[in-house]
Protein backbone atom coordinates (compact mmCIF):
# COMPACT_ATOMS: atom_id res chain seq x y z
CA MET A 1 170.73 3.39 -66.06
CA TYR A 2 171.61 6.69 -63.99
CA GLU A 3 172.53 7.20 -60.40
CA TYR A 4 170.02 8.72 -57.85
CA GLY A 5 171.57 9.04 -54.42
CA ASN A 6 172.76 5.64 -53.53
CA ARG A 7 170.27 3.74 -55.60
CA LYS A 8 170.34 2.61 -59.16
CA THR A 9 167.29 3.05 -61.18
CA LEU A 10 166.73 0.10 -63.88
CA HIS A 11 164.67 -0.66 -66.78
CA PRO A 12 161.32 -2.22 -65.22
CA SER A 13 162.04 -5.65 -67.26
CA ILE A 14 165.79 -5.54 -65.57
CA LEU A 15 164.42 -4.57 -62.21
CA ALA A 16 161.95 -7.54 -62.33
CA ASN A 17 164.25 -10.11 -63.29
CA THR A 18 166.49 -9.06 -60.48
CA MET A 19 163.81 -9.03 -57.94
CA ASN A 20 163.01 -12.53 -59.14
CA ARG A 21 166.32 -13.97 -58.89
CA SER A 22 166.88 -12.79 -55.13
CA ARG A 23 163.51 -13.81 -53.68
CA ALA A 24 162.37 -16.61 -51.79
CA HIS A 25 159.86 -18.09 -54.48
CA HIS A 26 158.77 -20.90 -52.05
CA ILE A 27 157.22 -18.10 -49.50
CA ASP A 28 155.22 -16.65 -52.23
CA TYR A 29 153.82 -20.11 -52.98
CA LEU A 30 153.04 -20.79 -49.40
CA LYS A 31 151.32 -17.40 -49.10
CA ALA A 32 149.29 -18.07 -52.51
CA TRP A 33 148.37 -21.61 -50.83
CA ALA A 34 147.29 -19.55 -47.89
CA VAL A 35 145.40 -16.75 -49.69
CA ILE A 36 143.28 -19.75 -51.76
CA VAL A 37 142.47 -21.34 -48.54
CA MET A 38 141.56 -18.01 -46.79
CA ILE A 39 138.93 -17.20 -49.75
CA GLU A 40 137.32 -20.51 -49.25
CA VAL A 41 137.14 -20.09 -45.55
CA HIS A 42 135.28 -16.96 -45.86
CA VAL A 43 133.05 -18.11 -48.62
CA VAL A 44 132.10 -21.16 -46.47
CA ASN A 45 131.74 -18.82 -43.33
CA CYS A 46 129.08 -16.77 -45.29
CA PHE A 47 127.44 -19.21 -47.52
CA LEU A 48 127.50 -22.74 -46.76
CA ASN A 49 124.42 -24.11 -45.09
CA PRO A 50 124.80 -24.98 -41.52
CA SER A 51 123.50 -28.45 -41.92
CA LEU A 52 126.41 -29.36 -44.02
CA ARG A 53 129.06 -28.52 -41.45
CA THR A 54 128.20 -31.89 -39.76
CA ALA A 55 129.67 -34.07 -42.43
CA TRP A 56 132.78 -36.23 -42.08
CA TRP A 57 134.81 -33.97 -44.79
CA PHE A 58 134.11 -30.81 -43.09
CA HIS A 59 135.87 -31.51 -39.97
CA ILE A 60 139.40 -32.03 -42.29
CA VAL A 61 138.35 -28.77 -44.17
CA HIS A 62 138.12 -26.88 -40.75
CA PHE A 63 141.39 -28.38 -39.77
CA ILE A 64 143.26 -27.29 -43.09
CA ASN A 65 141.59 -23.91 -42.41
CA GLY A 66 142.90 -23.66 -39.18
CA LEU A 67 146.41 -23.42 -40.73
CA VAL A 68 145.95 -19.94 -42.87
CA ALA A 69 146.53 -17.85 -40.13
CA PRO A 70 149.82 -19.70 -38.70
CA VAL A 71 151.03 -19.53 -42.41
CA PHE A 72 150.17 -15.70 -42.79
CA ILE A 73 151.94 -14.80 -39.45
CA PHE A 74 154.99 -17.14 -39.88
CA THR A 75 156.03 -15.99 -43.26
CA ALA A 76 155.37 -12.25 -42.38
CA GLY A 77 158.23 -12.88 -39.90
CA PHE A 78 160.24 -15.07 -42.15
CA SER A 79 160.20 -12.80 -44.95
CA PHE A 80 161.13 -9.92 -42.75
CA VAL A 81 164.45 -11.08 -41.48
CA LEU A 82 165.47 -12.24 -45.04
CA SER A 83 165.14 -8.53 -46.12
CA VAL A 84 166.74 -6.98 -43.37
CA MET A 85 168.98 -9.22 -41.19
CA LYS A 86 172.11 -7.85 -42.83
CA LYS A 87 171.30 -4.63 -43.46
CA ARG A 88 171.43 -3.05 -40.02
CA GLU A 89 173.55 -0.24 -40.89
CA GLU A 90 170.91 1.08 -43.53
CA LEU A 91 168.34 0.70 -40.90
CA ILE A 92 169.98 2.67 -37.93
CA HIS A 93 171.21 5.43 -40.63
CA PHE A 94 167.39 5.95 -41.65
CA SER A 95 167.95 4.98 -45.34
CA TYR A 96 165.26 4.31 -47.79
CA LEU A 97 165.00 0.67 -46.72
CA PHE A 98 164.15 1.81 -43.20
CA PHE A 99 161.18 4.12 -44.68
CA ARG A 100 160.09 1.43 -47.04
CA ARG A 101 159.89 -1.23 -44.39
CA ALA A 102 158.26 1.23 -41.50
CA GLY A 103 155.83 2.33 -44.42
CA ARG A 104 154.86 -1.08 -44.96
CA ILE A 105 154.52 -2.03 -41.33
CA LEU A 106 151.96 1.19 -41.16
CA LEU A 107 150.18 -0.17 -44.40
CA ILE A 108 149.71 -3.36 -42.84
CA PHE A 109 147.96 -1.48 -39.66
CA LEU A 110 146.06 0.79 -41.70
CA VAL A 111 144.47 -2.07 -43.70
CA GLY A 112 143.99 -4.02 -40.59
CA TYR A 113 141.75 -1.20 -38.95
CA LEU A 114 140.09 -0.19 -42.50
CA ILE A 115 138.85 -3.84 -42.55
CA HIS A 116 136.69 -3.23 -39.37
CA VAL A 117 135.83 0.57 -39.51
CA PRO A 118 132.14 0.86 -38.99
CA TYR A 119 131.63 3.74 -41.15
CA PHE A 120 134.21 5.23 -43.66
CA SER A 121 133.48 8.47 -42.38
CA LEU A 122 134.78 9.85 -39.16
CA LYS A 123 132.01 12.03 -38.12
CA ASN A 124 129.68 9.07 -38.69
CA ILE A 125 131.91 6.95 -36.40
CA ILE A 126 131.42 9.62 -33.70
CA ILE A 127 127.74 10.12 -33.99
CA TYR A 128 126.47 6.93 -34.92
CA ALA A 129 129.00 3.95 -33.97
CA SER A 130 127.68 1.73 -31.31
CA PRO A 131 129.77 0.44 -28.52
CA ALA A 132 129.52 -3.11 -30.08
CA GLU A 133 131.19 -1.75 -33.56
CA LEU A 134 133.85 0.17 -31.67
CA LYS A 135 134.67 -2.84 -29.80
CA SER A 136 134.84 -4.86 -33.06
CA PHE A 137 137.13 -1.95 -34.50
CA TYR A 138 139.62 -2.01 -31.92
CA SER A 139 139.76 -5.76 -31.91
CA SER A 140 143.35 -7.26 -32.83
CA ASP A 141 142.90 -9.07 -35.91
CA VAL A 142 145.67 -10.94 -37.91
CA LEU A 143 146.84 -7.78 -39.47
CA GLN A 144 147.27 -5.88 -36.46
CA CYS A 145 149.12 -8.94 -34.91
CA ILE A 146 151.41 -8.98 -37.81
CA GLY A 147 152.31 -5.10 -37.85
CA SER A 148 152.90 -4.96 -34.04
CA GLY A 149 155.37 -8.02 -34.05
CA LEU A 150 157.13 -6.72 -37.26
CA LEU A 151 157.56 -3.21 -35.20
CA VAL A 152 159.07 -4.84 -32.64
CA LEU A 153 161.47 -6.91 -35.00
CA LEU A 154 162.28 -3.67 -36.93
CA PHE A 155 163.36 -1.98 -33.76
CA LEU A 156 165.15 -4.74 -31.99
CA ARG A 157 167.37 -5.14 -35.43
CA MET A 158 168.21 -1.64 -35.09
CA ALA A 159 169.11 -1.70 -31.26
CA ILE A 160 170.60 -5.00 -31.34
CA LYS A 161 174.31 -5.16 -33.12
CA SER A 162 174.99 -8.89 -32.92
CA ASP A 163 173.18 -11.02 -35.30
CA THR A 164 173.58 -14.00 -32.52
CA LEU A 165 171.93 -12.07 -29.94
CA TYR A 166 169.39 -10.96 -32.25
CA HIS A 167 168.53 -14.34 -33.10
CA SER A 168 168.57 -15.51 -29.55
CA ILE A 169 166.12 -12.47 -28.28
CA ILE A 170 163.52 -13.05 -30.80
CA THR A 171 163.47 -16.79 -30.32
CA GLY A 172 163.23 -16.24 -26.56
CA ILE A 173 160.21 -13.80 -27.14
CA GLY A 174 158.63 -16.25 -29.36
CA LEU A 175 158.94 -19.32 -26.86
CA LEU A 176 158.28 -17.08 -24.14
CA VAL A 177 154.69 -15.88 -25.73
CA VAL A 178 153.78 -19.39 -26.51
CA PHE A 179 154.35 -20.68 -22.92
CA ILE A 180 152.58 -17.68 -21.07
CA THR A 181 149.89 -17.55 -23.09
CA PRO A 182 147.49 -19.86 -20.65
CA GLN A 183 148.16 -17.46 -17.60
CA VAL A 184 147.86 -14.21 -19.98
CA TRP A 185 144.08 -15.35 -21.03
CA LYS A 186 143.16 -15.41 -17.79
CA ILE A 187 143.88 -11.25 -17.02
CA ASP A 188 141.51 -8.51 -18.08
CA PHE A 189 143.70 -5.95 -19.42
CA GLY A 190 140.91 -3.33 -19.62
CA GLN A 191 141.56 -2.91 -16.10
CA TRP A 192 144.96 -1.39 -16.49
CA PHE A 193 144.72 -0.17 -20.54
CA PRO A 194 142.17 1.65 -22.86
CA LEU A 195 140.36 -0.81 -25.10
CA PRO A 196 142.13 -0.19 -28.01
CA ILE A 197 145.40 -1.60 -26.23
CA ALA A 198 143.70 -4.20 -24.11
CA THR A 199 142.33 -5.87 -27.00
CA TYR A 200 145.52 -6.92 -28.39
CA PHE A 201 146.44 -9.37 -25.11
CA ASN A 202 143.89 -11.90 -25.34
CA GLU A 203 140.25 -12.59 -26.42
CA ILE A 204 138.62 -11.36 -23.41
CA HIS A 205 137.51 -8.34 -25.29
CA GLY A 206 136.73 -10.29 -28.47
CA SER A 207 140.07 -10.17 -30.56
CA LEU A 208 140.49 -12.83 -32.97
CA PHE A 209 144.30 -13.03 -33.13
CA PRO A 210 145.66 -11.47 -29.96
CA LEU A 211 149.22 -11.25 -29.44
CA PHE A 212 149.16 -14.20 -27.47
CA PRO A 213 149.94 -16.93 -28.70
CA TRP A 214 149.86 -15.58 -32.30
CA HIS A 215 153.01 -13.58 -31.72
CA GLY A 216 154.87 -16.81 -31.41
CA PHE A 217 154.53 -17.59 -35.08
CA LEU A 218 155.69 -14.39 -36.03
CA PHE A 219 158.92 -14.38 -33.91
CA LEU A 220 159.41 -18.08 -34.37
CA GLY A 221 158.84 -17.49 -37.98
CA ALA A 222 161.48 -14.89 -37.97
CA SER A 223 163.87 -16.88 -36.01
CA TYR A 224 163.52 -19.79 -38.56
CA GLY A 225 164.12 -17.50 -41.32
CA ILE A 226 167.17 -16.85 -39.52
CA VAL A 227 168.31 -20.50 -39.43
CA HIS A 228 167.05 -20.75 -43.35
CA LEU A 229 169.65 -17.84 -44.10
CA HIS A 230 172.74 -19.36 -42.00
CA ASN A 231 171.88 -22.77 -43.81
CA SER A 232 171.91 -21.19 -47.04
CA ASN A 233 175.10 -19.23 -46.88
CA ASN A 234 177.12 -22.25 -45.29
CA ASN A 235 175.90 -24.81 -48.04
CA HIS A 236 173.94 -26.83 -45.48
CA ASP A 237 170.56 -26.08 -46.78
CA SER A 238 169.67 -29.24 -48.41
CA MET A 239 170.63 -31.71 -45.32
CA SER A 240 169.10 -29.35 -42.90
CA SER A 241 165.91 -29.05 -44.77
CA LYS A 242 165.37 -32.80 -44.95
CA LEU A 243 165.95 -33.29 -41.14
CA LEU A 244 164.00 -30.19 -40.11
CA THR A 245 161.01 -31.66 -42.49
CA THR A 246 161.30 -35.06 -41.12
CA ILE A 247 161.46 -33.61 -37.40
CA SER A 248 158.21 -31.46 -38.29
CA ILE A 249 156.19 -34.51 -39.87
CA ILE A 250 156.80 -36.54 -36.91
CA ILE A 251 155.69 -33.52 -34.24
CA SER A 252 152.71 -32.75 -36.77
CA ILE A 253 151.48 -36.16 -36.49
CA SER A 254 151.94 -36.68 -32.73
CA GLY A 255 150.45 -33.35 -32.11
CA ILE A 256 147.24 -34.11 -34.00
CA VAL A 257 146.95 -37.35 -32.23
CA THR A 258 147.63 -35.83 -28.88
CA MET A 259 144.92 -32.89 -29.31
CA HIS A 260 142.41 -35.59 -30.62
CA PHE A 261 142.40 -37.39 -27.07
CA LEU A 262 143.06 -33.87 -25.27
CA SER A 263 139.64 -32.62 -26.98
CA LYS A 264 137.73 -35.05 -25.15
CA ASN A 265 138.51 -33.27 -22.04
CA PRO A 266 136.01 -30.44 -21.53
CA ALA A 267 138.44 -28.74 -19.09
CA TYR A 268 141.37 -28.84 -21.56
CA THR A 269 141.47 -25.31 -23.50
CA ILE A 270 143.26 -26.32 -26.90
CA LYS A 271 143.67 -22.73 -28.21
CA THR A 272 146.13 -21.81 -25.49
CA SER A 273 148.04 -24.82 -25.22
CA ALA A 274 151.71 -25.26 -26.37
CA ILE A 275 151.03 -28.57 -28.15
CA PHE A 276 148.27 -26.37 -30.36
CA PHE A 277 150.80 -24.05 -31.14
CA ILE A 278 153.59 -26.33 -31.62
CA THR A 279 151.47 -28.66 -34.03
CA ARG A 280 150.59 -25.89 -36.31
CA TYR A 281 154.17 -24.53 -36.34
CA ALA A 282 155.48 -27.96 -37.52
CA LEU A 283 152.57 -28.06 -40.13
CA VAL A 284 153.71 -24.66 -41.53
CA ILE A 285 157.48 -25.72 -41.78
CA VAL A 286 156.31 -28.86 -43.67
CA LEU A 287 154.41 -26.80 -46.30
CA LEU A 288 157.26 -24.51 -46.53
CA HIS A 289 159.49 -27.34 -47.36
CA PHE A 290 156.89 -28.75 -49.83
CA PHE A 291 156.86 -25.64 -51.73
CA ARG A 292 160.56 -25.26 -51.75
CA TRP A 293 161.04 -29.03 -52.81
CA TYR A 294 158.20 -28.37 -55.42
CA LEU A 295 160.00 -25.48 -56.98
CA HIS A 296 163.64 -27.19 -56.82
CA ILE A 297 162.00 -30.12 -58.86
CA LYS A 298 160.15 -28.25 -61.20
CA LYS A 299 162.70 -25.69 -61.49
CA ASN A 300 159.92 -22.97 -61.53
CA GLN A 301 160.80 -19.48 -60.18
CA GLY A 302 157.80 -17.47 -60.77
CA GLY A 303 154.14 -17.66 -62.50
CA LEU A 304 150.88 -17.23 -61.13
CA PHE A 305 151.33 -18.49 -57.56
CA THR A 306 154.25 -15.76 -57.36
CA SER A 307 151.91 -12.76 -58.42
CA ILE A 308 149.35 -13.99 -55.93
CA GLY A 309 151.46 -14.80 -52.95
CA LYS A 310 153.29 -11.25 -53.41
CA GLU A 311 149.76 -9.49 -53.35
CA SER A 312 148.16 -11.42 -50.47
CA LEU A 313 147.36 -8.15 -48.83
CA LEU A 314 145.73 -6.62 -51.34
CA VAL A 315 143.55 -10.03 -51.80
CA TYR A 316 143.03 -10.14 -48.24
CA TRP A 317 141.37 -6.75 -47.99
CA LEU A 318 139.38 -6.68 -51.18
CA HIS A 319 137.92 -10.16 -50.99
CA LEU A 320 136.41 -9.42 -47.53
CA GLN A 321 135.18 -5.89 -48.77
CA ILE A 322 133.22 -7.57 -51.30
CA LEU A 323 131.86 -10.31 -48.78
CA TYR A 324 131.14 -8.46 -45.81
CA ARG A 325 130.87 -4.74 -46.75
CA HIS A 326 127.32 -3.22 -47.19
CA ILE A 327 127.63 -2.11 -50.81
CA PHE A 328 124.90 -4.31 -52.49
CA ASN A 329 122.04 -2.02 -51.71
CA GLY A 330 122.74 -1.39 -48.23
CA ARG A 331 123.47 -4.97 -47.43
CA SER A 332 126.54 -7.52 -47.76
CA LEU A 333 126.44 -10.47 -49.52
CA GLU A 334 126.75 -12.38 -46.19
CA ILE A 335 123.37 -10.94 -45.34
CA ILE A 336 121.93 -11.60 -48.91
CA VAL A 337 123.18 -15.21 -48.84
CA SER A 338 122.42 -15.89 -45.30
CA GLN A 339 124.14 -19.29 -45.32
CA ASN A 340 121.70 -20.81 -47.80
CA PHE A 341 124.25 -22.24 -50.31
CA ASN A 342 124.35 -26.06 -50.80
CA LEU A 343 127.84 -27.48 -51.77
CA THR A 344 128.02 -26.68 -55.35
CA GLU A 345 126.76 -23.36 -55.12
CA CYS A 346 129.19 -22.62 -52.46
CA LEU A 347 132.09 -24.22 -54.76
CA THR A 348 130.89 -21.94 -57.84
CA ALA A 349 130.92 -18.99 -55.11
CA PHE A 350 134.69 -19.68 -54.36
CA LEU A 351 135.81 -20.48 -57.72
CA LEU A 352 134.49 -17.15 -59.07
CA LEU A 353 135.83 -15.04 -56.30
CA ALA A 354 139.24 -16.75 -56.37
CA ALA A 355 139.20 -16.06 -60.03
CA LEU A 356 138.27 -12.32 -59.64
CA MET A 357 141.14 -12.03 -56.71
CA PHE A 358 143.44 -13.78 -58.76
CA GLY A 359 143.16 -11.36 -61.87
CA ALA A 360 143.25 -8.35 -59.50
CA ALA A 361 146.68 -9.72 -57.81
CA ILE A 362 148.06 -10.37 -61.19
CA LEU A 363 147.08 -7.07 -62.76
CA TRP A 364 148.53 -5.14 -59.61
CA ASN A 365 151.64 -7.07 -59.40
CA THR A 366 152.05 -6.52 -63.33
CA LEU A 367 151.75 -2.97 -62.84
CA LYS A 368 154.11 -2.65 -59.75
CA GLN A 369 156.82 -4.70 -61.73
CA TYR A 370 156.71 -2.77 -65.02
CA TYR A 371 155.34 0.37 -64.43
CA PRO A 372 156.65 1.13 -60.61
CA ALA A 373 155.94 4.87 -60.87
CA VAL A 374 152.44 4.50 -62.48
CA SER A 375 151.52 2.31 -59.57
CA ARG A 376 153.04 4.69 -56.70
CA LYS A 377 150.85 7.54 -58.35
CA ILE A 378 147.79 5.18 -58.32
CA PHE A 379 148.49 3.97 -54.75
CA THR A 380 149.40 7.44 -53.39
CA GLY A 381 145.83 8.90 -55.12
CA ILE A 382 143.55 6.35 -53.67
CA LEU A 383 145.50 6.59 -50.21
CA LEU A 384 144.73 10.59 -50.47
CA ILE A 385 141.03 10.23 -51.66
CA GLY A 386 140.21 7.83 -48.96
CA LEU A 387 141.73 10.02 -46.24
CA ILE A 388 140.10 13.09 -47.38
CA LYS A 389 136.64 11.08 -47.78
CA PHE A 390 137.07 9.79 -44.21
CA LEU A 391 138.01 12.88 -42.33
CA PHE A 392 135.76 15.60 -44.30
CA PHE A 393 132.58 13.43 -45.44
């Protein structure tokens, strides 16, 4: 072990064990659950015959699928505050932590836009990209939503000295986002902003995950992370977790029943309503505490699910490339299958793709833990090669 600046370099196995002890593994398990459901969502969207979507069970599957994005966005905010809440001094002095956090946020933005880039060549985009392709490229997807929210959380943490004030402000922002969403969705921000910015605010220009209401999950996820830290530090965690889980279950059930009746009114827009948000937020908290309870009972602090959860960004990008990118003789798997699979074929495709993604996640996570220098070189090399390819070919 030797010193380099203010950081100690440990043997990879010691470093891995230290990271495992300090990490909130129930967050990784929750993200791993979301990864599995996410793969199922996209496989079903690409492959399942539309005639099967009218079956009674599909409505249940569709509802569960609707929790994937809230989980990813919530856990992004939750994990962020766990990593920086007590490290403001490091951030404002632009230490390694600042550049690591900022670099991670920039990577999230980069991957988000790469998923929708019409051509992996700047020259081809300029020459061939249609207005529809550019509109899709500019749209705010889940990664742009997460990246923009984390950037705000980072700069607010640097600007606000008081932990209490920071907590109050991000909670207030989260609540404000949720309750003004119906009004924001009526405004065409393209009147005042260029399209790449206007797409961030609402669905008018085709964004799937605009800041309203989805930033609510991120900021209130961060707020809940601070509550979790406070309860853990004051030994109130067990009692508080049971109370919060009970309340969340009651809210979830009430919200589901309420939305069932509200959905019968054609004039009611569920996606912008506070009830839609609150129900899903409560369900995410229930899932969060379920996985925490499960790990506590099993005394399990690692394993397969942890690796998958840690590498959710890799899996997110990679499985979309396999399904939607035109890499099979100029066609994508989505076009080749064209929603002609029955249930058995769709399940088989899901299991195969999930197995492939799990293998990639475990391999990359193992490489990062035990051979960090090698993994950094591989990542940097891929990034540079991709950048050269994009700019010059």
